[in-house]
Each structure stands twice: as C-alpha cells, then as structure tokens.
PDB file of N, CA and C in Angstrom:
ATOM      1  N   MET A   1       9.143  -6.538  10.794  1.00  0.00           N
ATOM      2  CA  MET A   1       8.853  -5.227  10.274  1.00  0.00           C
ATOM      3  C   MET A   1       7.531  -4.741  10.843  1.00  0.00           C
ATOM      4  N   LYS A   2       7.434  -3.438  10.956  1.00  0.00           N
ATOM      5  CA  LYS A   2       6.193  -2.837  11.423  1.00  0.00           C
ATOM      6  C   LYS A   2       5.403  -2.401  10.189  1.00  0.00           C
ATOM      7  N   ILE A   3       4.116  -2.712  10.215  1.00  0.00           N
ATOM      8  CA  ILE A   3       3.252  -2.402   9.081  1.00  0.00           C
ATOM      9  C   ILE A   3       2.068  -1.587   9.566  1.00  0.00           C
ATOM     10  N   ARG A   4       1.812  -0.483   8.900  1.00  0.00           N
ATOM     11  CA  ARG A   4       0.618   0.322   9.160  1.00  0.00           C
ATOM     12  C   ARG A   4      -0.286   0.186   7.942  1.00  0.00           C
ATOM     13  N   LEU A   5      -1.460  -0.375   8.170  1.00  0.00           N
ATOM     14  CA  LEU A   5      -2.457  -0.527   7.113  1.00  0.00           C
ATOM     15  C   LEU A   5      -3.476   0.596   7.219  1.00  0.00           C
ATOM     16  N   HIS A   6      -3.990   1.013   6.104  1.00  0.00           N
ATOM     17  CA  HIS A   6      -5.024   2.046   6.057  1.00  0.00           C
ATOM     18  C   HIS A   6      -6.270   1.443   5.432  1.00  0.00           C
ATOM     19  N   HIS A   7      -7.409   1.809   5.922  1.00  0.00           N
ATOM     20  CA  HIS A   7      -8.734   1.391   5.414  1.00  0.00           C
ATOM     21  C   HIS A   7      -8.935  -0.112   5.505  1.00  0.00           C
ATOM     22  N   PRO A   8      -9.228  -0.706   6.609  1.00  0.00           N
ATOM     23  CA  PRO A   8      -9.324  -0.088   7.925  1.00  0.00           C
ATOM     24  C   PRO A   8      -7.926   0.100   8.515  1.00  0.00           C
ATOM     25  N   ARG A   9      -7.791   1.101   9.354  1.00  0.00           N
ATOM     26  CA  ARG A   9      -6.493   1.427   9.945  1.00  0.00           C
ATOM     27  C   ARG A   9      -6.160   0.414  11.037  1.00  0.00           C
ATOM     28  N   ARG A  10      -4.973  -0.166  10.912  1.00  0.00           N
ATOM     29  CA  ARG A  10      -4.483  -1.083  11.939  1.00  0.00           C
ATOM     30  C   ARG A  10      -2.970  -1.216  11.804  1.00  0.00           C
ATOM     31  N   ASP A  11      -2.323  -1.552  12.895  1.00  0.00           N
ATOM     32  CA  ASP A  11      -0.879  -1.749  12.926  1.00  0.00           C
ATOM     33  C   ASP A  11      -0.597  -3.202  13.255  1.00  0.00           C
ATOM     34  N   LEU A  12       0.421  -3.760  12.607  1.00  0.00           N
ATOM     35  CA  LEU A  12       0.837  -5.126  12.925  1.00  0.00           C
ATOM     36  C   LEU A  12       2.310  -5.286  12.671  1.00  0.00           C
ATOM     37  N   GLU A  13       2.847  -6.403  13.117  1.00  0.00           N
ATOM     38  CA  GLU A  13       4.259  -6.712  12.912  1.00  0.00           C
ATOM     39  C   GLU A  13       4.377  -8.097  12.308  1.00  0.00           C
ATOM     40  N   ILE A  14       5.298  -8.214  11.361  1.00  0.00           N
ATOM     41  CA  ILE A  14       5.592  -9.498  10.737  1.00  0.00           C
ATOM     42  C   ILE A  14       7.115  -9.670  10.809  1.00  0.00           C
ATOM     43  N   PRO A  15       7.578 -10.779  11.366  1.00  0.00           N
ATOM     44  CA  PRO A  15       9.029 -10.987  11.452  1.00  0.00           C
ATOM     45  C   PRO A  15       9.602 -11.501  10.125  1.00  0.00           C
ATOM     46  N   GLY A  16      10.889 -11.245   9.932  1.00  0.00           N
ATOM     47  CA  GLY A  16      11.586 -11.799   8.781  1.00  0.00           C
ATOM     48  C   GLY A  16      11.694 -10.840   7.609  1.00  0.00           C
ATOM     49  N   ARG A  17      12.439 -11.287   6.611  1.00  0.00           N
ATOM     50  CA  ARG A  17      12.682 -10.512   5.399  1.00  0.00           C
ATOM     51  C   ARG A  17      11.758 -11.049   4.302  1.00  0.00           C
ATOM     52  N   ARG A  18      11.082 -10.125   3.597  1.00  0.00           N
ATOM     53  CA  ARG A  18      10.136 -10.536   2.554  1.00  0.00           C
ATOM     54  C   ARG A  18      10.132  -9.524   1.427  1.00  0.00           C
ATOM     55  N   ARG A  19       9.665  -9.982   0.277  1.00  0.00           N
ATOM     56  CA  ARG A  19       9.396  -9.070  -0.834  1.00  0.00           C
ATOM     57  C   ARG A  19       8.029  -8.446  -0.614  1.00  0.00           C
ATOM     58  N   VAL A  20       7.851  -7.239  -1.125  1.00  0.00           N
ATOM     59  CA  VAL A  20       6.580  -6.523  -1.003  1.00  0.00           C
ATOM     60  C   VAL A  20       5.435  -7.371  -1.548  1.00  0.00           C
ATOM     61  N   SER A  21       5.643  -8.015  -2.686  1.00  0.00           N
ATOM     62  CA  SER A  21       4.578  -8.834  -3.275  1.00  0.00           C
ATOM     63  C   SER A  21       4.143  -9.948  -2.330  1.00  0.00           C
ATOM     64  N   GLY A  22       5.088 -10.559  -1.627  1.00  0.00           N
ATOM     65  CA  GLY A  22       4.770 -11.623  -0.683  1.00  0.00           C
ATOM     66  C   GLY A  22       3.998 -11.125   0.523  1.00  0.00           C
ATOM     67  N   ILE A  23       4.337  -9.925   0.991  1.00  0.00           N
ATOM     68  CA  ILE A  23       3.625  -9.338   2.129  1.00  0.00           C
ATOM     69  C   ILE A  23       2.166  -9.104   1.766  1.00  0.00           C
ATOM     70  N   LEU A  24       1.938  -8.532   0.589  1.00  0.00           N
ATOM     71  CA  LEU A  24       0.564  -8.247   0.166  1.00  0.00           C
ATOM     72  C   LEU A  24      -0.244  -9.534   0.023  1.00  0.00           C
ATOM     73  N   VAL A  25       0.347 -10.559  -0.554  1.00  0.00           N
ATOM     74  CA  VAL A  25      -0.343 -11.845  -0.695  1.00  0.00           C
ATOM     75  C   VAL A  25      -0.639 -12.431   0.681  1.00  0.00           C
ATOM     76  N   GLU A  26       0.347 -12.379   1.575  1.00  0.00           N
ATOM     77  CA  GLU A  26       0.184 -12.920   2.929  1.00  0.00           C
ATOM     78  C   GLU A  26      -0.954 -12.220   3.683  1.00  0.00           C
ATOM     79  N   LEU A  27      -1.118 -10.922   3.426  1.00  0.00           N
ATOM     80  CA  LEU A  27      -2.179 -10.165   4.082  1.00  0.00           C
ATOM     81  C   LEU A  27      -3.502 -10.222   3.321  1.00  0.00           C
ATOM     82  N   GLY A  28      -3.531 -10.932   2.205  1.00  0.00           N
ATOM     83  CA  GLY A  28      -4.765 -11.066   1.427  1.00  0.00           C
ATOM     84  C   GLY A  28      -5.139  -9.787   0.697  1.00  0.00           C
ATOM     85  N   LEU A  29      -4.132  -8.988   0.329  1.00  0.00           N
ATOM     86  CA  LEU A  29      -4.382  -7.722  -0.351  1.00  0.00           C
ATOM     87  C   LEU A  29      -3.994  -7.820  -1.821  1.00  0.00           C
ATOM     88  N   ASP A  30      -4.781  -7.207  -2.675  1.00  0.00           N
ATOM     89  CA  ASP A  30      -4.518  -7.201  -4.108  1.00  0.00           C
ATOM     90  C   ASP A  30      -3.337  -6.273  -4.402  1.00  0.00           C
ATOM     91  N   PRO A  31      -2.229  -6.798  -4.932  1.00  0.00           N
ATOM     92  CA  PRO A  31      -1.062  -5.964  -5.226  1.00  0.00           C
ATOM     93  C   PRO A  31      -1.354  -4.832  -6.214  1.00  0.00           C
ATOM     94  N   GLU A  32      -2.317  -5.021  -7.092  1.00  0.00           N
ATOM     95  CA  GLU A  32      -2.669  -3.986  -8.065  1.00  0.00           C
ATOM     96  C   GLU A  32      -3.468  -2.848  -7.440  1.00  0.00           C
ATOM     97  N   ALA A  33      -3.983  -3.063  -6.240  1.00  0.00           N
ATOM     98  CA  ALA A  33      -4.864  -2.078  -5.616  1.00  0.00           C
ATOM     99  C   ALA A  33      -4.256  -1.432  -4.371  1.00  0.00           C
ATOM    100  N   HIS A  34      -2.942  -1.665  -4.125  1.00  0.00           N
ATOM    101  CA  HIS A  34      -2.310  -1.123  -2.922  1.00  0.00           C
ATOM    102  C   HIS A  34      -0.922  -0.561  -3.221  1.00  0.00           C
ATOM    103  N   LEU A  35      -0.580   0.497  -2.508  1.00  0.00           N
ATOM    104  CA  LEU A  35       0.747   1.094  -2.563  1.00  0.00           C
ATOM    105  C   LEU A  35       1.475   0.757  -1.275  1.00  0.00           C
ATOM    106  N   VAL A  36       2.770   0.469  -1.380  1.00  0.00           N
ATOM    107  CA  VAL A  36       3.584   0.186  -0.197  1.00  0.00           C
ATOM    108  C   VAL A  36       4.665   1.259  -0.127  1.00  0.00           C
ATOM    109  N   ILE A  37       4.744   1.908   1.024  1.00  0.00           N
ATOM    110  CA  ILE A  37       5.610   3.069   1.197  1.00  0.00           C
ATOM    111  C   ILE A  37       6.537   2.834   2.387  1.00  0.00           C
ATOM    112  N   ARG A  38       7.827   3.137   2.186  1.00  0.00           N
ATOM    113  CA  ARG A  38       8.818   3.102   3.275  1.00  0.00           C
ATOM    114  C   ARG A  38       9.424   4.498   3.352  1.00  0.00           C
ATOM    115  N   GLY A  39       9.163   5.198   4.449  1.00  0.00           N
ATOM    116  CA  GLY A  39       9.622   6.585   4.557  1.00  0.00           C
ATOM    117  C   GLY A  39       8.928   7.431   3.503  1.00  0.00           C
ATOM    118  N   ASP A  40       9.709   8.030   2.616  1.00  0.00           N
ATOM    119  CA  ASP A  40       9.159   8.823   1.519  1.00  0.00           C
ATOM    120  C   ASP A  40       9.201   8.084   0.192  1.00  0.00           C
ATOM    121  N   ALA A  41       9.595   6.808   0.208  1.00  0.00           N
ATOM    122  CA  ALA A  41       9.790   6.061  -1.026  1.00  0.00           C
ATOM    123  C   ALA A  41       8.658   5.074  -1.286  1.00  0.00           C
ATOM    124  N   LEU A  42       8.191   5.073  -2.516  1.00  0.00           N
ATOM    125  CA  LEU A  42       7.204   4.098  -2.971  1.00  0.00           C
ATOM    126  C   LEU A  42       7.976   2.835  -3.359  1.00  0.00           C
ATOM    127  N   LEU A  43       7.584   1.690  -2.813  1.00  0.00           N
ATOM    128  CA  LEU A  43       8.294   0.445  -3.075  1.00  0.00           C
ATOM    129  C   LEU A  43       7.642  -0.325  -4.215  1.00  0.00           C
ATOM    130  N   THR A  44       8.455  -1.017  -4.985  1.00  0.00           N
ATOM    131  CA  THR A  44       7.947  -1.878  -6.052  1.00  0.00           C
ATOM    132  C   THR A  44       7.676  -3.265  -5.491  1.00  0.00           C
ATOM    133  N   SER A  45       6.992  -4.081  -6.257  1.00  0.00           N
ATOM    134  CA  SER A  45       6.610  -5.415  -5.779  1.00  0.00           C
ATOM    135  C   SER A  45       7.811  -6.310  -5.495  1.00  0.00           C
ATOM    136  N   ASP A  46       8.953  -6.048  -6.139  1.00  0.00           N
ATOM    137  CA  ASP A  46      10.132  -6.882  -5.897  1.00  0.00           C
ATOM    138  C   ASP A  46      11.080  -6.293  -4.850  1.00  0.00           C
ATOM    139  N   SER A  47      10.721  -5.154  -4.241  1.00  0.00           N
ATOM    140  CA  SER A  47      11.530  -4.586  -3.157  1.00  0.00           C
ATOM    141  C   SER A  47      11.484  -5.511  -1.949  1.00  0.00           C
ATOM    142  N   GLU A  48      12.611  -5.569  -1.225  1.00  0.00           N
ATOM    143  CA  GLU A  48      12.656  -6.381  -0.010  1.00  0.00           C
ATOM    144  C   GLU A  48      12.585  -5.488   1.219  1.00  0.00           C
ATOM    145  N   VAL A  49      11.894  -5.966   2.235  1.00  0.00           N
ATOM    146  CA  VAL A  49      11.819  -5.278   3.521  1.00  0.00           C
ATOM    147  C   VAL A  49      12.137  -6.292   4.616  1.00  0.00           C
ATOM    148  N   GLY A  50      12.714  -5.784   5.706  1.00  0.00           N
ATOM    149  CA  GLY A  50      13.120  -6.664   6.798  1.00  0.00           C
ATOM    150  C   GLY A  50      12.636  -6.184   8.140  1.00  0.00           C
ATOM    151  N   ASP A  51      13.129  -6.852   9.168  1.00  0.00           N
ATOM    152  CA  ASP A  51      12.698  -6.581  10.541  1.00  0.00           C
ATOM    153  C   ASP A  51      12.870  -5.118  10.953  1.00  0.00           C
ATOM    154  N   GLU A  52      13.891  -4.457  10.429  1.00  0.00           N
ATOM    155  CA  GLU A  52      14.186  -3.078  10.835  1.00  0.00           C
ATOM    156  C   GLU A  52      13.297  -2.044  10.139  1.00  0.00           C
ATOM    157  N   ASP A  53      12.517  -2.462   9.150  1.00  0.00           N
ATOM    158  CA  ASP A  53      11.724  -1.532   8.350  1.00  0.00           C
ATOM    159  C   ASP A  53      10.351  -1.247   8.944  1.00  0.00           C
ATOM    160  N   GLU A  54       9.869  -0.044   8.634  1.00  0.00           N
ATOM    161  CA  GLU A  54       8.495   0.349   8.924  1.00  0.00           C
ATOM    162  C   GLU A  54       7.880   0.750   7.590  1.00  0.00           C
ATOM    163  N   ILE A  55       6.765   0.119   7.247  1.00  0.00           N
ATOM    164  CA  ILE A  55       6.126   0.412   5.967  1.00  0.00           C
ATOM    165  C   ILE A  55       4.658   0.758   6.182  1.00  0.00           C
ATOM    166  N   GLU A  56       4.112   1.454   5.202  1.00  0.00           N
ATOM    167  CA  GLU A  56       2.684   1.755   5.172  1.00  0.00           C
ATOM    168  C   GLU A  56       2.098   1.090   3.946  1.00  0.00           C
ATOM    169  N   ILE A  57       0.912   0.556   4.089  1.00  0.00           N
ATOM    170  CA  ILE A  57       0.190  -0.009   2.954  1.00  0.00           C
ATOM    171  C   ILE A  57      -1.098   0.775   2.809  1.00  0.00           C
ATOM    172  N   ARG A  58      -1.241   1.411   1.651  1.00  0.00           N
ATOM    173  CA  ARG A  58      -2.410   2.253   1.391  1.00  0.00           C
ATOM    174  C   ARG A  58      -3.133   1.769   0.152  1.00  0.00           C
ATOM    175  N   PRO A  59      -4.446   1.801   0.188  1.00  0.00           N
ATOM    176  CA  PRO A  59      -5.188   1.441  -1.024  1.00  0.00           C
ATOM    177  C   PRO A  59      -5.002   2.523  -2.087  1.00  0.00           C
ATOM    178  N   VAL A  60      -5.001   2.098  -3.324  1.00  0.00           N
ATOM    179  CA  VAL A  60      -4.920   3.042  -4.436  1.00  0.00           C
ATOM    180  C   VAL A  60      -6.268   3.727  -4.555  1.00  0.00           C
ATOM    181  N   ILE A  61      -6.237   5.040  -4.568  1.00  0.00           N
ATOM    182  CA  ILE A  61      -7.461   5.816  -4.738  1.00  0.00           C
ATOM    183  C   ILE A  61      -7.268   6.679  -5.962  1.00  0.00           C
ATOM    184  N   SER A  62      -8.175   6.535  -6.904  1.00  0.00           N
ATOM    185  CA  SER A  62      -8.042   7.340  -8.107  1.00  0.00           C
ATOM    186  C   SER A  62      -9.310   8.129  -8.342  1.00  0.00           C
ATOM    187  N   GLY A  63      -9.135   9.247  -8.935  1.00  0.00           N
ATOM    188  CA  GLY A  63     -10.277  10.088  -9.302  1.00  0.00           C
ATOM    189  C   GLY A  63     -10.364  10.104 -10.809  1.00  0.00           C
ATOM    190  N   GLY A  64     -11.441  10.548 -11.278  1.00  0.00           N
ATOM    191  CA  GLY A  64     -11.582  10.582 -12.718  1.00  0.00           C
ATOM    192  C   GLY A  64     -12.257  11.858 -13.168  1.00  0.00           C
ATOM    193  N   THR A  65     -12.339  11.971 -14.422  1.00  0.00           N
ATOM    194  CA  THR A  65     -13.048  13.100 -15.003  1.00  0.00           C
ATOM    195  C   THR A  65     -14.205  12.543 -15.799  1.00  0.00           C
ATOM    196  N   THR A  66     -15.143  13.373 -16.011  1.00  0.00           N
ATOM    197  CA  THR A  66     -16.275  12.972 -16.840  1.00  0.00           C
ATOM    198  C   THR A  66     -16.254  13.790 -18.116  1.00  0.00           C
ATOM    199  N   ASP A  67     -16.920  13.288 -19.090  1.00  0.00           N
ATOM    200  CA  ASP A  67     -17.007  14.005 -20.361  1.00  0.00           C
ATOM    201  C   ASP A  67     -18.135  15.029 -20.342  1.00  0.00           C
ATOM    202  N   GLU A  68     -18.874  15.041 -19.245  1.00  0.00           N
ATOM    203  CA  GLU A  68     -20.006  15.962 -19.143  1.00  0.00           C
ATOM    204  C   GLU A  68     -19.525  17.363 -18.817  1.00  0.00           C
ATOM    205  N   ALA A  69     -20.183  18.336 -19.392  1.00  0.00           N
ATOM    206  CA  ALA A  69     -19.887  19.742 -19.088  1.00  0.00           C
ATOM    207  C   ALA A  69     -20.444  20.060 -17.715  1.00  0.00           C
ATOM    208  N   PRO A  70     -19.787  20.930 -16.960  1.00  0.00           N
ATOM    209  CA  PRO A  70     -20.338  21.318 -15.653  1.00  0.00           C
ATOM    210  C   PRO A  70     -21.670  22.023 -15.823  1.00  0.00           C
ATOM    211  N   CYS A  71     -22.504  21.855 -14.851  1.00  0.00           N
ATOM    212  CA  CYS A  71     -23.820  22.484 -14.884  1.00  0.00           C
ATOM    213  C   CYS A  71     -23.710  23.956 -14.536  1.00  0.00           C
ATOM    214  N   ALA A  72     -24.390  24.784 -15.295  1.00  0.00           N
ATOM    215  CA  ALA A  72     -24.422  26.217 -14.973  1.00  0.00           C
ATOM    216  C   ALA A  72     -25.545  26.460 -13.996  1.00  0.00           C
ATOM    217  N   VAL A  73     -25.291  27.269 -12.996  1.00  0.00           N
ATOM    218  CA  VAL A  73     -26.311  27.546 -11.979  1.00  0.00           C
ATOM    219  C   VAL A  73     -26.829  28.946 -12.147  1.00  0.00           C
TER     220      VAL A  73
END
C-alpha cells in the first residue's frame, strides 16, 4: 500500500494486508492522535488495507474556545 504521511510530509510503501491499528503501531504513531483516510473515507482502527490501497495519515488537529470574552478595541 502507498502511504502519505503529513507533519512531516513523506511518502512510503508497505507491502501486505494490515489493519489500520497495526499500521499506526508499526509506524510508531499514536492511534488516538491520527486519522487514516482512503479516498474520501475516514477509516476505523479495525479497517483493513492492502497492496492496492493508497491512504493518508494525518495528525488530529483540534481547536478550542475560551471562556474569555473577546477584547474590545
């Protein structure tokens, strides 16, 4: 399978069929902190991918809100 990693950006290939959770562990990535995408679909940790697949692995980025009122200028 072809894998595109983001942050840092790099491309690699891993042969064989694997579960998403196994790929993340093999690459030393925290499954709770990464999204795995095939085409337009978000994959779950138990999804399987094989040699014919191309996937993207992106870190989870979240924003938040604060309880503070915006400053008036």
